[in-house]
């Protein structure tokens, strides 16, 4: 005998079907929202995330010191920001560069092999314009740097090598020097095209110009020190020698900054009426005796006591003591 469902059983069945459909839609939505990460099994990642973070710390530190150094050289505020640290193949790196480019190869002794530093042309022309007294405005041109322009950029790059070596010295003592310059990236074959490289990207902003600087390290160059890039080693090196290293780098960065030195030979107080009635030939009696030393001010602060005199045909002062101010 056939059994008929009651109204309550029918309502319960419809409720169950509706709930199952909702759960299925939710599961489908969650699956669709998942993002898939691209992974190349032919060229697997050869450095861990912990080592990547150490490289980020190194170049973030480098960016801070480079900002201070270039600000002094260019007489303008330079902002340097770390954009990324990526593992790619060398062919992917040089195909991403502009042509003509401003690309340097450099060595990191005692590490073997060569590394690459690429400066965006807009940034290089901005440096040149600023060094010649301009506002650091980039030129919209596809030409190569002239010999004079290249000599200007070379000076900036040499200063950048000092700051980069200082940043790496927390991990390993290296000496960085320019090995070559090229305007066609395809001609720079430091490793085979399929070899893994670590590319660090920095963004520089100076006055009216901004651009990208890319540093390319072949894995085979960093392989001897790859174990030193662990986060624990970075923390220990920062705690042990970081303060002294920072102090030396800061001293080197500000040593070339110019400041104003003023030697006050005499002081005199007069009324406004006397000042308005001064004529050529009038004599003002100073409060300072002729045998008293002069006070030397550095950037408006009294720092030294000096004795005035002559050196050849020039007026000069001889520092005799430090000021108490």
C-alpha atoms as a PDB file:
ATOM      1  CA  UNK A   1       0.000   0.000   0.000  1.00  0.00           C
ATOM      2  CA  UNK A   2       1.443   3.374  -1.020  1.00  0.00           C
ATOM      3  CA  UNK A   3       2.355   5.734   1.745  1.00  0.00           C
ATOM      4  CA  UNK A   4       1.541   9.418   1.370  1.00  0.00           C
ATOM      5  CA  UNK A   5       3.703  12.098   3.031  1.00  0.00           C
ATOM      6  CA  UNK A   6       2.083  14.399   5.469  1.00  0.00           C
ATOM      7  CA  UNK A   7       2.341  18.174   5.087  1.00  0.00           C
ATOM      8  CA  UNK A   8       4.838  18.339   7.954  1.00  0.00           C
ATOM      9  CA  UNK A   9       7.116  15.764   6.296  1.00  0.00           C
ATOM     10  CA  UNK A  10       6.940  17.642   2.979  1.00  0.00           C
ATOM     11  CA  UNK A  11       7.909  20.932   4.689  1.00  0.00           C
ATOM     12  CA  UNK A  12      10.829  19.224   6.462  1.00  0.00           C
ATOM     13  CA  UNK A  13      12.087  17.721   3.174  1.00  0.00           C
ATOM     14  CA  UNK A  14      11.932  21.075   1.331  1.00  0.00           C
ATOM     15  CA  UNK A  15      13.773  22.745   4.195  1.00  0.00           C
ATOM     16  CA  UNK A  16      16.566  20.146   4.004  1.00  0.00           C
ATOM     17  CA  UNK A  17      16.963  20.588   0.234  1.00  0.00           C
ATOM     18  CA  UNK A  18      17.134  24.412   0.574  1.00  0.00           C
ATOM     19  CA  UNK A  19      19.803  24.168   3.276  1.00  0.00           C
ATOM     20  CA  UNK A  20      21.912  21.785   1.211  1.00  0.00           C
ATOM     21  CA  UNK A  21      21.734  24.123  -1.765  1.00  0.00           C
ATOM     22  CA  UNK A  22      22.849  27.069   0.336  1.00  0.00           C
ATOM     23  CA  UNK A  23      25.847  25.128   1.720  1.00  0.00           C
ATOM     24  CA  UNK A  24      26.819  24.094  -1.797  1.00  0.00           C
ATOM     25  CA  UNK A  25      26.685  27.706  -3.041  1.00  0.00           C
ATOM     26  CA  UNK A  26      28.775  28.848  -0.057  1.00  0.00           C
ATOM     27  CA  UNK A  27      31.390  26.180  -0.696  1.00  0.00           C
ATOM     28  CA  UNK A  28      31.522  27.121  -4.383  1.00  0.00           C
ATOM     29  CA  UNK A  29      31.962  30.819  -3.485  1.00  0.00           C
ATOM     30  CA  UNK A  30      34.785  30.008  -1.053  1.00  0.00           C
ATOM     31  CA  UNK A  31      36.571  27.912  -3.672  1.00  0.00           C
ATOM     32  CA  UNK A  32      36.233  30.681  -6.279  1.00  0.00           C
ATOM     33  CA  UNK A  33      37.692  33.237  -3.864  1.00  0.00           C
ATOM     34  CA  UNK A  34      40.870  31.259  -3.319  1.00  0.00           C
ATOM     35  CA  UNK A  35      43.894  32.672  -5.134  1.00  0.00           C
ATOM     36  CA  UNK A  36      46.350  30.358  -6.838  1.00  0.00           C
ATOM     37  CA  UNK A  37      50.070  31.127  -6.634  1.00  0.00           C
ATOM     38  CA  UNK A  38      52.144  30.516  -9.758  1.00  0.00           C
ATOM     39  CA  UNK A  39      55.009  28.090  -9.125  1.00  0.00           C
ATOM     40  CA  UNK A  40      57.606  27.172 -11.716  1.00  0.00           C
ATOM     41  CA  UNK A  41      58.749  23.588 -11.115  1.00  0.00           C
ATOM     42  CA  UNK A  42      61.588  24.037 -13.641  1.00  0.00           C
ATOM     43  CA  UNK A  43      63.085  26.872 -11.566  1.00  0.00           C
ATOM     44  CA  UNK A  44      62.075  26.376  -7.926  1.00  0.00           C
ATOM     45  CA  UNK A  45      62.785  29.002  -5.283  1.00  0.00           C
ATOM     46  CA  UNK A  46      66.327  28.541  -4.029  1.00  0.00           C
ATOM     47  CA  UNK A  47      66.221  30.842  -1.015  1.00  0.00           C
ATOM     48  CA  UNK A  48      63.716  30.622   1.814  1.00  0.00           C
ATOM     49  CA  UNK A  49      61.288  33.291   2.978  1.00  0.00           C
ATOM     50  CA  UNK A  50      63.459  33.855   6.043  1.00  0.00           C
ATOM     51  CA  UNK A  51      66.459  34.576   3.822  1.00  0.00           C
ATOM     52  CA  UNK A  52      64.355  36.883   1.659  1.00  0.00           C
ATOM     53  CA  UNK A  53      63.410  38.868   4.767  1.00  0.00           C
ATOM     54  CA  UNK A  54      67.097  39.194   5.631  1.00  0.00           C
ATOM     55  CA  UNK A  55      67.799  40.531   2.140  1.00  0.00           C
ATOM     56  CA  UNK A  56      64.936  42.980   2.609  1.00  0.00           C
ATOM     57  CA  UNK A  57      66.488  44.155   5.891  1.00  0.00           C
ATOM     58  CA  UNK A  58      69.893  44.577   4.247  1.00  0.00           C
ATOM     59  CA  UNK A  59      68.561  46.681   1.397  1.00  0.00           C
ATOM     60  CA  UNK A  60      66.140  48.618   3.566  1.00  0.00           C
ATOM     61  CA  UNK A  61      69.159  49.590   5.659  1.00  0.00           C
ATOM     62  CA  UNK A  62      71.058  50.381   2.454  1.00  0.00           C
ATOM     63  CA  UNK A  63      68.202  52.594   1.266  1.00  0.00           C
ATOM     64  CA  UNK A  64      68.280  54.662   4.455  1.00  0.00           C
ATOM     65  CA  UNK A  65      72.014  55.294   4.270  1.00  0.00           C
ATOM     66  CA  UNK A  66      71.895  55.915   0.506  1.00  0.00           C
ATOM     67  CA  UNK A  67      69.181  58.518   1.075  1.00  0.00           C
ATOM     68  CA  UNK A  68      71.420  60.432   3.494  1.00  0.00           C
ATOM     69  CA  UNK A  69      74.489  60.140   1.254  1.00  0.00           C
ATOM     70  CA  UNK A  70      72.756  61.295  -1.932  1.00  0.00           C
ATOM     71  CA  UNK A  71      71.012  64.124  -0.111  1.00  0.00           C
ATOM     72  CA  UNK A  72      74.425  65.537   0.724  1.00  0.00           C
ATOM     73  CA  UNK A  73      75.821  65.024  -2.778  1.00  0.00           C
ATOM     74  CA  UNK A  74      72.797  66.406  -4.654  1.00  0.00           C
ATOM     75  CA  UNK A  75      71.938  69.127  -2.094  1.00  0.00           C
ATOM     76  CA  UNK A  76      68.343  67.952  -2.091  1.00  0.00           C
ATOM     77  CA  UNK A  77      66.159  65.562  -0.143  1.00  0.00           C
ATOM     78  CA  UNK A  78      66.360  62.070  -1.658  1.00  0.00           C
ATOM     79  CA  UNK A  79      63.820  59.409  -0.664  1.00  0.00           C
ATOM     80  CA  UNK A  80      64.791  55.760  -1.183  1.00  0.00           C
ATOM     81  CA  UNK A  81      62.118  53.084  -0.702  1.00  0.00           C
ATOM     82  CA  UNK A  82      62.504  49.328  -0.976  1.00  0.00           C
ATOM     83  CA  UNK A  83      59.905  47.976  -3.410  1.00  0.00           C
ATOM     84  CA  UNK A  84      60.551  44.232  -3.558  1.00  0.00           C
ATOM     85  CA  UNK A  85      63.006  41.329  -3.429  1.00  0.00           C
ATOM     86  CA  UNK A  86      62.233  38.691  -6.085  1.00  0.00           C
ATOM     87  CA  UNK A  87      63.642  35.394  -7.326  1.00  0.00           C
ATOM     88  CA  UNK A  88      63.523  35.167 -11.124  1.00  0.00           C
ATOM     89  CA  UNK A  89      65.629  33.875 -13.982  1.00  0.00           C
ATOM     90  CA  UNK A  90      68.346  36.041 -15.472  1.00  0.00           C
ATOM     91  CA  UNK A  91      66.578  36.131 -18.847  1.00  0.00           C
ATOM     92  CA  UNK A  92      63.477  37.585 -17.181  1.00  0.00           C
ATOM     93  CA  UNK A  93      65.632  40.245 -15.549  1.00  0.00           C
ATOM     94  CA  UNK A  94      67.453  41.611 -18.593  1.00  0.00           C
ATOM     95  CA  UNK A  95      64.360  41.510 -20.805  1.00  0.00           C
ATOM     96  CA  UNK A  96      62.639  43.823 -18.288  1.00  0.00           C
ATOM     97  CA  UNK A  97      65.305  46.541 -18.717  1.00  0.00           C
ATOM     98  CA  UNK A  98      65.002  49.543 -21.001  1.00  0.00           C
ATOM     99  CA  UNK A  99      67.229  50.017 -24.036  1.00  0.00           C
ATOM    100  CA  UNK A 100      69.328  52.116 -24.091  1.00  0.00           C
ATOM    101  CA  UNK A 101      69.918  51.570 -20.390  1.00  0.00           C
ATOM    102  CA  UNK A 102      72.289  52.769 -17.681  1.00  0.00           C
ATOM    103  CA  UNK A 103      73.560  49.438 -16.391  1.00  0.00           C
ATOM    104  CA  UNK A 104      76.640  48.738 -14.285  1.00  0.00           C
ATOM    105  CA  UNK A 105      78.285  45.443 -13.419  1.00  0.00           C
ATOM    106  CA  UNK A 106      80.073  45.255 -10.083  1.00  0.00           C
ATOM    107  CA  UNK A 107      82.071  42.785  -8.046  1.00  0.00           C
ATOM    108  CA  UNK A 108      81.634  41.852  -4.389  1.00  0.00           C
ATOM    109  CA  UNK A 109      85.028  40.542  -3.317  1.00  0.00           C
ATOM    110  CA  UNK A 110      85.708  37.973  -1.895  1.00  0.00           C
ATOM    111  CA  UNK A 111      82.485  36.566  -3.449  1.00  0.00           C
ATOM    112  CA  UNK A 112      82.880  35.160  -6.943  1.00  0.00           C
ATOM    113  CA  UNK A 113      81.130  36.410 -10.053  1.00  0.00           C
ATOM    114  CA  UNK A 114      79.583  39.719 -11.036  1.00  0.00           C
ATOM    115  CA  UNK A 115      76.343  41.445 -10.083  1.00  0.00           C
ATOM    116  CA  UNK A 116      74.289  44.023 -11.997  1.00  0.00           C
ATOM    117  CA  UNK A 117      72.915  47.428 -11.020  1.00  0.00           C
ATOM    118  CA  UNK A 118      70.482  49.090 -13.415  1.00  0.00           C
ATOM    119  CA  UNK A 119      69.465  52.748 -13.060  1.00  0.00           C
ATOM    120  CA  UNK A 120      66.429  53.947 -14.966  1.00  0.00           C
ATOM    121  CA  UNK A 121      67.464  56.509 -17.625  1.00  0.00           C
ATOM    122  CA  UNK A 122      65.056  59.128 -16.233  1.00  0.00           C
ATOM    123  CA  UNK A 123      66.800  58.933 -12.866  1.00  0.00           C
ATOM    124  CA  UNK A 124      70.284  59.109 -14.405  1.00  0.00           C
ATOM    125  CA  UNK A 125      69.422  62.244 -16.415  1.00  0.00           C
ATOM    126  CA  UNK A 126      67.819  63.741 -13.308  1.00  0.00           C
ATOM    127  CA  UNK A 127      71.079  63.241 -11.390  1.00  0.00           C
ATOM    128  CA  UNK A 128      73.031  64.945 -14.168  1.00  0.00           C
ATOM    129  CA  UNK A 129      70.655  67.910 -14.316  1.00  0.00           C
ATOM    130  CA  UNK A 130      70.838  68.377 -10.542  1.00  0.00           C
ATOM    131  CA  UNK A 131      74.650  68.135 -10.418  1.00  0.00           C
ATOM    132  CA  UNK A 132      74.864  70.915 -13.019  1.00  0.00           C
ATOM    133  CA  UNK A 133      72.643  73.225 -10.982  1.00  0.00           C
ATOM    134  CA  UNK A 134      69.190  72.347 -12.271  1.00  0.00           C
ATOM    135  CA  UNK A 135      66.084  71.163 -10.471  1.00  0.00           C
ATOM    136  CA  UNK A 136      66.819  67.524 -11.193  1.00  0.00           C
ATOM    137  CA  UNK A 137      64.359  67.409 -14.079  1.00  0.00           C
ATOM    138  CA  UNK A 138      64.533  64.335 -16.266  1.00  0.00           C
ATOM    139  CA  UNK A 139      64.720  64.547 -20.048  1.00  0.00           C
ATOM    140  CA  UNK A 140      62.301  62.583 -22.228  1.00  0.00           C
ATOM    141  CA  UNK A 141      64.882  61.107 -24.558  1.00  0.00           C
ATOM    142  CA  UNK A 142      66.054  57.681 -25.644  1.00  0.00           C
ATOM    143  CA  UNK A 143      69.682  58.587 -26.175  1.00  0.00           C
ATOM    144  CA  UNK A 144      72.682  57.234 -24.309  1.00  0.00           C
ATOM    145  CA  UNK A 145      74.656  59.179 -21.707  1.00  0.00           C
ATOM    146  CA  UNK A 146      77.502  61.293 -23.032  1.00  0.00           C
ATOM    147  CA  UNK A 147      81.016  60.979 -21.630  1.00  0.00           C
ATOM    148  CA  UNK A 148      80.603  63.990 -19.331  1.00  0.00           C
ATOM    149  CA  UNK A 149      77.198  62.827 -18.129  1.00  0.00           C
ATOM    150  CA  UNK A 150      78.569  59.344 -17.478  1.00  0.00           C
ATOM    151  CA  UNK A 151      81.398  60.746 -15.343  1.00  0.00           C
ATOM    152  CA  UNK A 152      78.792  62.489 -13.155  1.00  0.00           C
ATOM    153  CA  UNK A 153      76.762  59.301 -12.713  1.00  0.00           C
ATOM    154  CA  UNK A 154      79.983  57.367 -11.997  1.00  0.00           C
ATOM    155  CA  UNK A 155      80.644  59.579  -8.958  1.00  0.00           C
ATOM    156  CA  UNK A 156      77.160  58.905  -7.608  1.00  0.00           C
ATOM    157  CA  UNK A 157      77.512  55.164  -8.228  1.00  0.00           C
ATOM    158  CA  UNK A 158      80.875  55.083  -6.436  1.00  0.00           C
ATOM    159  CA  UNK A 159      79.239  56.649  -3.400  1.00  0.00           C
ATOM    160  CA  UNK A 160      76.391  54.135  -3.627  1.00  0.00           C
ATOM    161  CA  UNK A 161      78.907  51.252  -3.580  1.00  0.00           C
ATOM    162  CA  UNK A 162      80.222  52.471  -0.224  1.00  0.00           C
ATOM    163  CA  UNK A 163      76.753  52.463   1.296  1.00  0.00           C
ATOM    164  CA  UNK A 164      75.908  49.058  -0.202  1.00  0.00           C
ATOM    165  CA  UNK A 165      79.119  47.527   1.155  1.00  0.00           C
ATOM    166  CA  UNK A 166      78.303  48.969   4.574  1.00  0.00           C
ATOM    167  CA  UNK A 167      74.861  47.346   4.492  1.00  0.00           C
ATOM    168  CA  UNK A 168      76.296  43.952   3.486  1.00  0.00           C
ATOM    169  CA  UNK A 169      79.017  44.136   6.129  1.00  0.00           C
ATOM    170  CA  UNK A 170      76.512  43.055   8.769  1.00  0.00           C
ATOM    171  CA  UNK A 171      76.453  39.685   7.046  1.00  0.00           C
ATOM    172  CA  UNK A 172      79.835  39.427   5.335  1.00  0.00           C
ATOM    173  CA  UNK A 173      82.748  41.813   4.739  1.00  0.00           C
ATOM    174  CA  UNK A 174      82.741  42.727   1.046  1.00  0.00           C
ATOM    175  CA  UNK A 175      84.507  45.218  -1.197  1.00  0.00           C
ATOM    176  CA  UNK A 176      82.285  46.516  -3.990  1.00  0.00           C
ATOM    177  CA  UNK A 177      83.793  48.026  -7.134  1.00  0.00           C
ATOM    178  CA  UNK A 178      82.574  48.833 -10.650  1.00  0.00           C
ATOM    179  CA  UNK A 179      83.484  46.175 -13.209  1.00  0.00           C
ATOM    180  CA  UNK A 180      81.884  47.662 -16.334  1.00  0.00           C
ATOM    181  CA  UNK A 181      79.158  49.805 -17.896  1.00  0.00           C
ATOM    182  CA  UNK A 182      76.740  48.874 -20.660  1.00  0.00           C
ATOM    183  CA  UNK A 183      73.825  50.543 -22.442  1.00  0.00           C
ATOM    184  CA  UNK A 184      72.488  47.340 -24.036  1.00  0.00           C
ATOM    185  CA  UNK A 185      71.361  44.874 -21.336  1.00  0.00           C
ATOM    186  CA  UNK A 186      71.428  41.882 -23.704  1.00  0.00           C
ATOM    187  CA  UNK A 187      75.214  42.208 -23.946  1.00  0.00           C
ATOM    188  CA  UNK A 188      75.644  41.630 -20.202  1.00  0.00           C
ATOM    189  CA  UNK A 189      75.887  37.851 -19.738  1.00  0.00           C
ATOM    190  CA  UNK A 190      77.075  37.312 -16.178  1.00  0.00           C
ATOM    191  CA  UNK A 191      75.239  33.952 -15.866  1.00  0.00           C
ATOM    192  CA  UNK A 192      73.271  31.665 -18.218  1.00  0.00           C
ATOM    193  CA  UNK A 193      69.760  32.938 -19.076  1.00  0.00           C
ATOM    194  CA  UNK A 194      68.038  30.196 -17.075  1.00  0.00           C
ATOM    195  CA  UNK A 195      70.062  30.754 -13.894  1.00  0.00           C
ATOM    196  CA  UNK A 196      68.245  31.978 -10.784  1.00  0.00           C
ATOM    197  CA  UNK A 197      68.973  35.543  -9.669  1.00  0.00           C
ATOM    198  CA  UNK A 198      67.747  37.650  -6.770  1.00  0.00           C
ATOM    199  CA  UNK A 199      66.551  41.082  -7.892  1.00  0.00           C
ATOM    200  CA  UNK A 200      66.127  43.919  -5.409  1.00  0.00           C
ATOM    201  CA  UNK A 201      64.072  46.887  -6.598  1.00  0.00           C
ATOM    202  CA  UNK A 202      64.433  50.350  -5.045  1.00  0.00           C
ATOM    203  CA  UNK A 203      62.495  53.507  -5.893  1.00  0.00           C
ATOM    204  CA  UNK A 204      64.248  56.881  -5.653  1.00  0.00           C
ATOM    205  CA  UNK A 205      62.515  60.259  -5.517  1.00  0.00           C
ATOM    206  CA  UNK A 206      64.512  63.486  -5.800  1.00  0.00           C
ATOM    207  CA  UNK A 207      62.890  66.863  -6.485  1.00  0.00           C
ATOM    208  CA  UNK A 208      61.143  66.555  -9.866  1.00  0.00           C
ATOM    209  CA  UNK A 209      62.449  63.099 -10.758  1.00  0.00           C
ATOM    210  CA  UNK A 210      61.654  59.568  -9.675  1.00  0.00           C
ATOM    211  CA  UNK A 211      63.006  56.286 -10.955  1.00  0.00           C
ATOM    212  CA  UNK A 212      63.877  52.681 -10.246  1.00  0.00           C
ATOM    213  CA  UNK A 213      67.204  51.115  -9.314  1.00  0.00           C
ATOM    214  CA  UNK A 214      67.493  47.328  -9.656  1.00  0.00           C
ATOM    215  CA  UNK A 215      70.234  45.246  -8.069  1.00  0.00           C
ATOM    216  CA  UNK A 216      70.675  41.743  -9.496  1.00  0.00           C
ATOM    217  CA  UNK A 217      72.588  39.094  -7.529  1.00  0.00           C
ATOM    218  CA  UNK A 218      73.190  35.688  -9.159  1.00  0.00           C
ATOM    219  CA  UNK A 219      72.411  32.832  -6.802  1.00  0.00           C
ATOM    220  CA  UNK A 220      75.826  31.288  -7.466  1.00  0.00           C
ATOM    221  CA  UNK A 221      77.419  34.483  -6.119  1.00  0.00           C
ATOM    222  CA  UNK A 222      75.423  34.437  -2.881  1.00  0.00           C
ATOM    223  CA  UNK A 223      75.550  30.642  -2.454  1.00  0.00           C
ATOM    224  CA  UNK A 224      78.719  30.621  -0.248  1.00  0.00           C
ATOM    225  CA  UNK A 225      77.006  32.931   2.299  1.00  0.00           C
ATOM    226  CA  UNK A 226      73.432  31.726   1.882  1.00  0.00           C
ATOM    227  CA  UNK A 227      73.389  30.210   5.383  1.00  0.00           C
ATOM    228  CA  UNK A 228      74.404  33.579   6.842  1.00  0.00           C
ATOM    229  CA  UNK A 229      71.195  35.122   5.504  1.00  0.00           C
ATOM    230  CA  UNK A 230      69.083  33.429   8.156  1.00  0.00           C
ATOM    231  CA  UNK A 231      67.130  35.819  10.340  1.00  0.00           C
ATOM    232  CA  UNK A 232      68.903  34.683  13.518  1.00  0.00           C
ATOM    233  CA  UNK A 233      72.333  35.594  12.117  1.00  0.00           C
ATOM    234  CA  UNK A 234      71.035  39.003  11.022  1.00  0.00           C
ATOM    235  CA  UNK A 235      69.633  39.698  14.498  1.00  0.00           C
ATOM    236  CA  UNK A 236      72.863  38.685  16.224  1.00  0.00           C
ATOM    237  CA  UNK A 237      75.062  40.738  13.893  1.00  0.00           C
ATOM    238  CA  UNK A 238      72.794  43.766  14.337  1.00  0.00           C
ATOM    239  CA  UNK A 239      72.930  43.432  18.116  1.00  0.00           C
ATOM    240  CA  UNK A 240      76.721  42.942  18.299  1.00  0.00           C
ATOM    241  CA  UNK A 241      78.135  45.339  15.744  1.00  0.00           C
ATOM    242  CA  UNK A 242      75.256  47.321  14.340  1.00  0.00           C
ATOM    243  CA  UNK A 243      75.645  50.421  16.495  1.00  0.00           C
ATOM    244  CA  UNK A 244      79.355  50.874  15.720  1.00  0.00           C
ATOM    245  CA  UNK A 245      78.790  50.257  12.018  1.00  0.00           C
ATOM    246  CA  UNK A 246      75.934  52.754  11.912  1.00  0.00           C
ATOM    247  CA  UNK A 247      78.077  55.310  13.717  1.00  0.00           C
ATOM    248  CA  UNK A 248      80.894  54.950  11.178  1.00  0.00           C
ATOM    249  CA  UNK A 249      78.528  55.121   8.218  1.00  0.00           C
ATOM    250  CA  UNK A 250      76.821  58.198   9.651  1.00  0.00           C
ATOM    251  CA  UNK A 251      80.184  59.861  10.261  1.00  0.00           C
ATOM    252  CA  UNK A 252      81.267  59.197   6.667  1.00  0.00           C
ATOM    253  CA  UNK A 253      77.943  60.482   5.345  1.00  0.00           C
ATOM    254  CA  UNK A 254      78.105  63.845   7.122  1.00  0.00           C
ATOM    255  CA  UNK A 255      81.871  64.374   6.826  1.00  0.00           C
ATOM    256  CA  UNK A 256      81.490  66.000   3.384  1.00  0.00           C
ATOM    257  CA  UNK A 257      78.573  68.259   4.324  1.00  0.00           C
ATOM    258  CA  UNK A 258      79.558  71.948   4.222  1.00  0.00           C
ATOM    259  CA  UNK A 259      78.718  74.314   7.087  1.00  0.00           C
ATOM    260  CA  UNK A 260      79.314  78.004   7.796  1.00  0.00           C
ATOM    261  CA  UNK A 261      82.123  79.122  10.106  1.00  0.00           C
ATOM    262  CA  UNK A 262      82.112  82.767  11.341  1.00  0.00           C
ATOM    263  CA  UNK A 263      84.835  84.438  13.405  1.00  0.00           C
ATOM    264  CA  UNK A 264      83.583  87.536  15.281  1.00  0.00           C
ATOM    265  CA  UNK A 265      86.507  89.934  15.725  1.00  0.00           C
ATOM    266  CA  UNK A 266      84.666  92.670  17.626  1.00  0.00           C
ATOM    267  CA  UNK A 267      81.287  93.793  18.953  1.00  0.00           C
ATOM    268  CA  UNK A 268      79.939  97.313  19.381  1.00  0.00           C
ATOM    269  CA  UNK A 269      76.587  98.721  20.501  1.00  0.00           C
ATOM    270  CA  UNK A 270      75.285 101.942  18.986  1.00  0.00           C
ATOM    271  CA  UNK A 271      71.975 103.772  18.957  1.00  0.00           C
ATOM    272  CA  UNK A 272      69.701 103.860  15.951  1.00  0.00           C
ATOM    273  CA  UNK A 273      70.378 107.626  15.635  1.00  0.00           C
ATOM    274  CA  UNK A 274      74.128 106.986  15.419  1.00  0.00           C
ATOM    275  CA  UNK A 275      73.527 104.243  12.890  1.00  0.00           C
ATOM    276  CA  UNK A 276      71.466 106.565  10.667  1.00  0.00           C
ATOM    277  CA  UNK A 277      74.165 109.273  10.860  1.00  0.00           C
ATOM    278  CA  UNK A 278      77.182 107.052  10.059  1.00  0.00           C
ATOM    279  CA  UNK A 279      79.444 108.375   7.296  1.00  0.00           C
ATOM    280  CA  UNK A 280      82.533 107.019   5.607  1.00  0.00           C
ATOM    281  CA  UNK A 281      85.544 107.630   7.827  1.00  0.00           C
ATOM    282  CA  UNK A 282      83.658 107.474  11.148  1.00  0.00           C
ATOM    283  CA  UNK A 283      85.301 105.357  13.845  1.00  0.00           C
ATOM    284  CA  UNK A 284      83.305 102.925  15.987  1.00  0.00           C
ATOM    285  CA  UNK A 285      84.845 101.885  19.283  1.00  0.00           C
ATOM    286  CA  UNK A 286      84.290  98.164  19.945  1.00  0.00           C
ATOM    287  CA  UNK A 287      83.702  96.574  23.306  1.00  0.00           C
ATOM    288  CA  UNK A 288      86.479  94.038  22.597  1.00  0.00           C
ATOM    289  CA  UNK A 289      90.116  94.869  23.289  1.00  0.00           C
ATOM    290  CA  UNK A 290      92.599  94.348  20.465  1.00  0.00           C
ATOM    291  CA  UNK A 291      94.503  91.657  22.389  1.00  0.00           C
ATOM    292  CA  UNK A 292      91.403  89.610  23.239  1.00  0.00           C
ATOM    293  CA  UNK A 293      90.731  86.373  21.291  1.00  0.00           C
ATOM    294  CA  UNK A 294      87.855  86.035  18.853  1.00  0.00           C
ATOM    295  CA  UNK A 295      84.878  83.746  19.152  1.00  0.00           C
ATOM    296  CA  UNK A 296      84.274  81.262  16.291  1.00  0.00           C
ATOM    297  CA  UNK A 297      80.678  80.208  15.530  1.00  0.00           C
ATOM    298  CA  UNK A 298      79.798  77.054  13.602  1.00  0.00           C
ATOM    299  CA  UNK A 299      76.268  77.162  12.162  1.00  0.00           C
ATOM    300  CA  UNK A 300      75.407  79.886  14.673  1.00  0.00           C
ATOM    301  CA  UNK A 301      76.787  78.059  17.730  1.00  0.00           C
ATOM    302  CA  UNK A 302      79.911  79.211  19.558  1.00  0.00           C
ATOM    303  CA  UNK A 303      82.437  76.372  19.324  1.00  0.00           C
ATOM    304  CA  UNK A 304      86.007  77.751  19.431  1.00  0.00           C
ATOM    305  CA  UNK A 305      88.147  80.586  20.735  1.00  0.00           C
ATOM    306  CA  UNK A 306      90.697  81.845  18.188  1.00  0.00           C
ATOM    307  CA  UNK A 307      93.480  84.380  17.747  1.00  0.00           C
ATOM    308  CA  UNK A 308      93.177  86.581  14.601  1.00  0.00           C
ATOM    309  CA  UNK A 309      96.138  87.149  12.303  1.00  0.00           C
ATOM    310  CA  UNK A 310      97.455  86.847   8.761  1.00  0.00           C
ATOM    311  CA  UNK A 311      98.543  83.859   6.671  1.00  0.00           C
ATOM    312  CA  UNK A 312     100.252  85.081   3.556  1.00  0.00           C
ATOM    313  CA  UNK A 313      97.942  87.658   1.997  1.00  0.00           C
ATOM    314  CA  UNK A 314      94.829  86.286   3.689  1.00  0.00           C
ATOM    315  CA  UNK A 315      93.261  86.989   7.046  1.00  0.00           C
ATOM    316  CA  UNK A 316      93.273  83.908   9.251  1.00  0.00           C
ATOM    317  CA  UNK A 317      92.478  82.699  12.752  1.00  0.00           C
ATOM    318  CA  UNK A 318      94.351  80.280  14.976  1.00  0.00           C
ATOM    319  CA  UNK A 319      92.203  78.007  17.156  1.00  0.00           C
ATOM    320  CA  UNK A 320      93.500  78.234  20.717  1.00  0.00           C
ATOM    321  CA  UNK A 321      90.774  76.461  22.707  1.00  0.00           C
ATOM    322  CA  UNK A 322      87.244  75.085  22.680  1.00  0.00           C
ATOM    323  CA  UNK A 323      84.407  77.380  23.610  1.00  0.00           C
ATOM    324  CA  UNK A 324      82.312  76.719  26.698  1.00  0.00           C
ATOM    325  CA  UNK A 325      79.082  77.546  24.815  1.00  0.00           C
END
